N, C-alpha and C. Protein backbone atom coordinates (compact mmCIF):
# COMPACT_ATOMS: atom_id res chain seq x y z
N MET A 1 0.86 -1.18 0.00
CA MET A 1 0.00 0.00 0.00
C MET A 1 0.91 1.23 0.00
N ASN A 2 0.59 2.15 -0.81
CA ASN A 2 1.41 3.36 -0.95
C ASN A 2 1.11 4.35 0.18
N GLU A 3 2.08 5.21 0.48
CA GLU A 3 1.98 6.13 1.63
C GLU A 3 0.82 7.11 1.50
N ALA A 4 0.53 7.55 0.29
CA ALA A 4 -0.59 8.48 0.09
C ALA A 4 -1.92 7.81 0.42
N THR A 5 -2.04 6.54 0.09
CA THR A 5 -3.27 5.80 0.40
C THR A 5 -3.43 5.63 1.90
N LYS A 6 -2.34 5.29 2.59
CA LYS A 6 -2.40 5.15 4.05
C LYS A 6 -2.80 6.47 4.71
N ARG A 7 -2.21 7.55 4.23
CA ARG A 7 -2.53 8.87 4.79
C ARG A 7 -3.99 9.22 4.54
N SER A 8 -4.49 8.89 3.37
CA SER A 8 -5.89 9.14 3.06
C SER A 8 -6.83 8.34 3.97
N ILE A 9 -6.47 7.09 4.23
CA ILE A 9 -7.28 6.25 5.12
C ILE A 9 -7.31 6.85 6.53
N PHE A 10 -6.15 7.25 7.04
CA PHE A 10 -6.11 7.84 8.38
C PHE A 10 -6.85 9.18 8.43
N ARG A 11 -6.77 9.94 7.34
CA ARG A 11 -7.49 11.22 7.30
C ARG A 11 -9.00 10.98 7.37
N TRP A 12 -9.49 9.99 6.62
CA TRP A 12 -10.93 9.70 6.66
C TRP A 12 -11.35 9.12 8.00
N MET A 13 -10.49 8.31 8.63
CA MET A 13 -10.80 7.82 9.97
C MET A 13 -10.92 8.99 10.93
N HIS A 14 -10.04 9.96 10.81
CA HIS A 14 -10.05 11.14 11.67
C HIS A 14 -11.36 11.91 11.49
N ILE A 15 -11.78 12.07 10.25
CA ILE A 15 -13.03 12.79 9.96
C ILE A 15 -14.22 12.02 10.49
N VAL A 16 -14.25 10.71 10.28
CA VAL A 16 -15.39 9.89 10.73
C VAL A 16 -15.48 9.88 12.25
N PHE A 17 -14.35 9.81 12.96
CA PHE A 17 -14.39 9.86 14.42
C PHE A 17 -14.80 11.23 14.94
N ALA A 18 -14.62 12.28 14.14
CA ALA A 18 -15.02 13.62 14.57
C ALA A 18 -16.52 13.85 14.48
N ILE A 19 -17.20 13.15 13.60
CA ILE A 19 -18.64 13.37 13.41
C ILE A 19 -19.44 13.10 14.69
N PRO A 20 -19.25 11.97 15.38
CA PRO A 20 -20.00 11.77 16.64
C PRO A 20 -19.66 12.78 17.72
N ILE A 21 -18.43 13.28 17.71
CA ILE A 21 -18.05 14.28 18.72
C ILE A 21 -18.81 15.57 18.48
N VAL A 22 -18.97 15.95 17.23
CA VAL A 22 -19.76 17.15 16.91
C VAL A 22 -21.21 16.93 17.34
N GLY A 23 -21.74 15.74 17.10
CA GLY A 23 -23.10 15.44 17.57
C GLY A 23 -23.22 15.49 19.08
N TYR A 24 -22.19 15.04 19.77
CA TYR A 24 -22.16 15.08 21.23
C TYR A 24 -22.18 16.52 21.72
N ILE A 25 -21.41 17.38 21.09
CA ILE A 25 -21.33 18.77 21.52
C ILE A 25 -22.64 19.52 21.27
N TYR A 26 -23.25 19.28 20.11
CA TYR A 26 -24.44 20.04 19.75
C TYR A 26 -25.76 19.34 20.06
N SER A 27 -25.71 18.20 20.73
CA SER A 27 -26.96 17.50 21.06
C SER A 27 -27.65 18.18 22.25
N PRO A 28 -28.95 17.94 22.41
CA PRO A 28 -29.64 18.49 23.58
C PRO A 28 -29.03 17.95 24.87
N PHE A 29 -29.07 18.75 25.91
CA PHE A 29 -28.43 18.41 27.17
C PHE A 29 -28.95 17.09 27.75
N GLU A 30 -30.21 16.78 27.55
CA GLU A 30 -30.80 15.54 28.10
C GLU A 30 -30.20 14.29 27.46
N ARG A 31 -29.72 14.40 26.23
CA ARG A 31 -29.24 13.23 25.50
C ARG A 31 -27.74 13.00 25.67
N ILE A 32 -27.03 13.93 26.30
CA ILE A 32 -25.58 13.80 26.45
C ILE A 32 -25.19 12.53 27.21
N PRO A 33 -25.88 12.13 28.30
CA PRO A 33 -25.47 10.89 28.98
C PRO A 33 -25.55 9.65 28.09
N ASP A 34 -26.39 9.67 27.05
CA ASP A 34 -26.48 8.53 26.13
C ASP A 34 -25.20 8.38 25.30
N TYR A 35 -24.60 9.49 24.94
CA TYR A 35 -23.42 9.49 24.08
C TYR A 35 -22.10 9.50 24.83
N ALA A 36 -22.12 9.83 26.11
CA ALA A 36 -20.88 10.06 26.85
C ALA A 36 -19.92 8.86 26.86
N PRO A 37 -20.35 7.65 27.20
CA PRO A 37 -19.37 6.55 27.26
C PRO A 37 -18.70 6.27 25.91
N ALA A 38 -19.49 6.22 24.84
CA ALA A 38 -18.91 5.95 23.53
C ALA A 38 -17.97 7.07 23.11
N THR A 39 -18.36 8.30 23.41
CA THR A 39 -17.51 9.44 23.03
C THR A 39 -16.19 9.41 23.79
N ARG A 40 -16.25 9.17 25.08
CA ARG A 40 -15.03 9.18 25.90
C ARG A 40 -14.12 7.99 25.64
N LEU A 41 -14.71 6.82 25.41
CA LEU A 41 -13.90 5.60 25.32
C LEU A 41 -13.54 5.17 23.91
N VAL A 42 -14.28 5.65 22.90
CA VAL A 42 -14.03 5.20 21.53
C VAL A 42 -13.61 6.36 20.63
N PHE A 43 -14.45 7.38 20.54
CA PHE A 43 -14.25 8.41 19.53
C PHE A 43 -13.12 9.37 19.86
N VAL A 44 -13.00 9.81 21.10
CA VAL A 44 -11.90 10.73 21.45
C VAL A 44 -10.54 10.03 21.32
N PRO A 45 -10.37 8.82 21.87
CA PRO A 45 -9.07 8.15 21.65
C PRO A 45 -8.80 7.87 20.17
N GLY A 46 -9.83 7.52 19.42
CA GLY A 46 -9.64 7.28 17.98
C GLY A 46 -9.19 8.52 17.24
N ILE A 47 -9.80 9.66 17.55
CA ILE A 47 -9.40 10.89 16.88
C ILE A 47 -8.02 11.35 17.32
N VAL A 48 -7.68 11.12 18.58
CA VAL A 48 -6.34 11.49 19.06
C VAL A 48 -5.27 10.62 18.39
N LEU A 49 -5.49 9.31 18.35
CA LEU A 49 -4.50 8.42 17.74
C LEU A 49 -4.35 8.66 16.25
N SER A 50 -5.47 8.85 15.55
CA SER A 50 -5.36 9.11 14.11
C SER A 50 -4.71 10.46 13.86
N GLY A 51 -4.99 11.45 14.69
CA GLY A 51 -4.35 12.76 14.54
C GLY A 51 -2.87 12.69 14.79
N LEU A 52 -2.47 11.95 15.83
CA LEU A 52 -1.03 11.79 16.09
C LEU A 52 -0.34 11.05 14.95
N TRP A 53 -1.01 10.05 14.39
CA TRP A 53 -0.43 9.32 13.28
C TRP A 53 -0.27 10.23 12.06
N LEU A 54 -1.28 11.08 11.81
CA LEU A 54 -1.17 12.01 10.69
C LEU A 54 -0.04 13.01 10.92
N TRP A 55 0.15 13.41 12.16
CA TRP A 55 1.14 14.43 12.49
C TRP A 55 2.55 13.86 12.56
N LYS A 56 2.73 12.76 13.29
CA LYS A 56 4.06 12.20 13.54
C LYS A 56 4.22 10.76 13.07
N GLY A 57 3.39 10.32 12.16
CA GLY A 57 3.48 8.95 11.67
C GLY A 57 4.78 8.66 10.95
N HIS A 58 5.31 9.66 10.25
CA HIS A 58 6.57 9.45 9.53
C HIS A 58 7.72 9.12 10.48
N VAL A 59 7.71 9.72 11.67
CA VAL A 59 8.76 9.44 12.66
C VAL A 59 8.61 8.01 13.18
N LEU A 60 7.40 7.59 13.47
CA LEU A 60 7.15 6.24 13.96
C LEU A 60 7.53 5.19 12.91
N ARG A 61 7.17 5.45 11.65
CA ARG A 61 7.54 4.51 10.59
C ARG A 61 9.05 4.41 10.45
N ARG A 62 9.75 5.53 10.60
CA ARG A 62 11.21 5.52 10.51
C ARG A 62 11.81 4.70 11.65
N LEU A 63 11.28 4.87 12.86
CA LEU A 63 11.78 4.10 14.01
C LEU A 63 11.52 2.61 13.84
N ILE A 64 10.33 2.27 13.34
CA ILE A 64 9.99 0.85 13.15
C ILE A 64 10.89 0.23 12.09
N SER A 65 11.10 0.93 10.99
CA SER A 65 11.93 0.37 9.92
C SER A 65 13.40 0.26 10.37
N LYS A 66 13.86 1.23 11.15
CA LYS A 66 15.24 1.17 11.65
C LYS A 66 15.40 0.01 12.62
N ARG A 67 14.40 -0.20 13.48
CA ARG A 67 14.46 -1.30 14.44
C ARG A 67 14.45 -2.64 13.74
N SER A 68 13.60 -2.80 12.73
CA SER A 68 13.55 -4.08 12.04
C SER A 68 14.84 -4.33 11.25
N ALA A 69 15.43 -3.27 10.70
CA ALA A 69 16.70 -3.42 10.00
C ALA A 69 17.80 -3.77 10.99
N ASP A 70 17.82 -3.14 12.16
CA ASP A 70 18.82 -3.46 13.18
C ASP A 70 18.65 -4.89 13.67
N GLY A 71 17.42 -5.32 13.84
CA GLY A 71 17.16 -6.70 14.28
C GLY A 71 17.63 -7.71 13.25
N ALA A 72 17.43 -7.41 11.98
CA ALA A 72 17.88 -8.31 10.93
C ALA A 72 19.40 -8.37 10.90
N ASN A 73 20.06 -7.23 11.05
CA ASN A 73 21.51 -7.21 11.07
C ASN A 73 22.07 -7.91 12.30
N TYR A 74 21.40 -7.74 13.42
CA TYR A 74 21.85 -8.37 14.65
C TYR A 74 21.78 -9.89 14.53
N GLY A 75 20.73 -10.38 13.92
CA GLY A 75 20.60 -11.83 13.71
C GLY A 75 21.67 -12.36 12.78
N ASP A 76 22.05 -11.56 11.78
CA ASP A 76 23.08 -11.99 10.86
C ASP A 76 24.45 -12.07 11.54
N ARG A 77 24.73 -11.14 12.46
CA ARG A 77 26.00 -11.14 13.16
C ARG A 77 26.16 -12.37 14.05
N ASN A 78 25.07 -12.81 14.66
CA ASN A 78 25.15 -13.96 15.57
C ASN A 78 25.30 -15.27 14.81
N SER A 79 24.87 -15.32 13.57
CA SER A 79 24.93 -16.58 12.85
C SER A 79 26.32 -16.89 12.34
N ASN A 80 27.24 -15.91 12.34
CA ASN A 80 28.62 -16.14 11.87
C ASN A 80 29.43 -16.84 12.88
């Protein structure tokens, strides 16, 4: 999967997780307790994680690829 496609998927996840939060904010006060658990436990963490991935995902991918490359090299050194 190409990087632009991954970024597009995370961007749409971010937008989709934001829709219920907007509904939570603008819903009538009586209905807020119905939405509170899902908003706090699912949608807010989802939007935070997808936002962090959009913002700093390149750093995480670089660390993961460097670690896997180091692990492969380390295994090669021990086999000699």
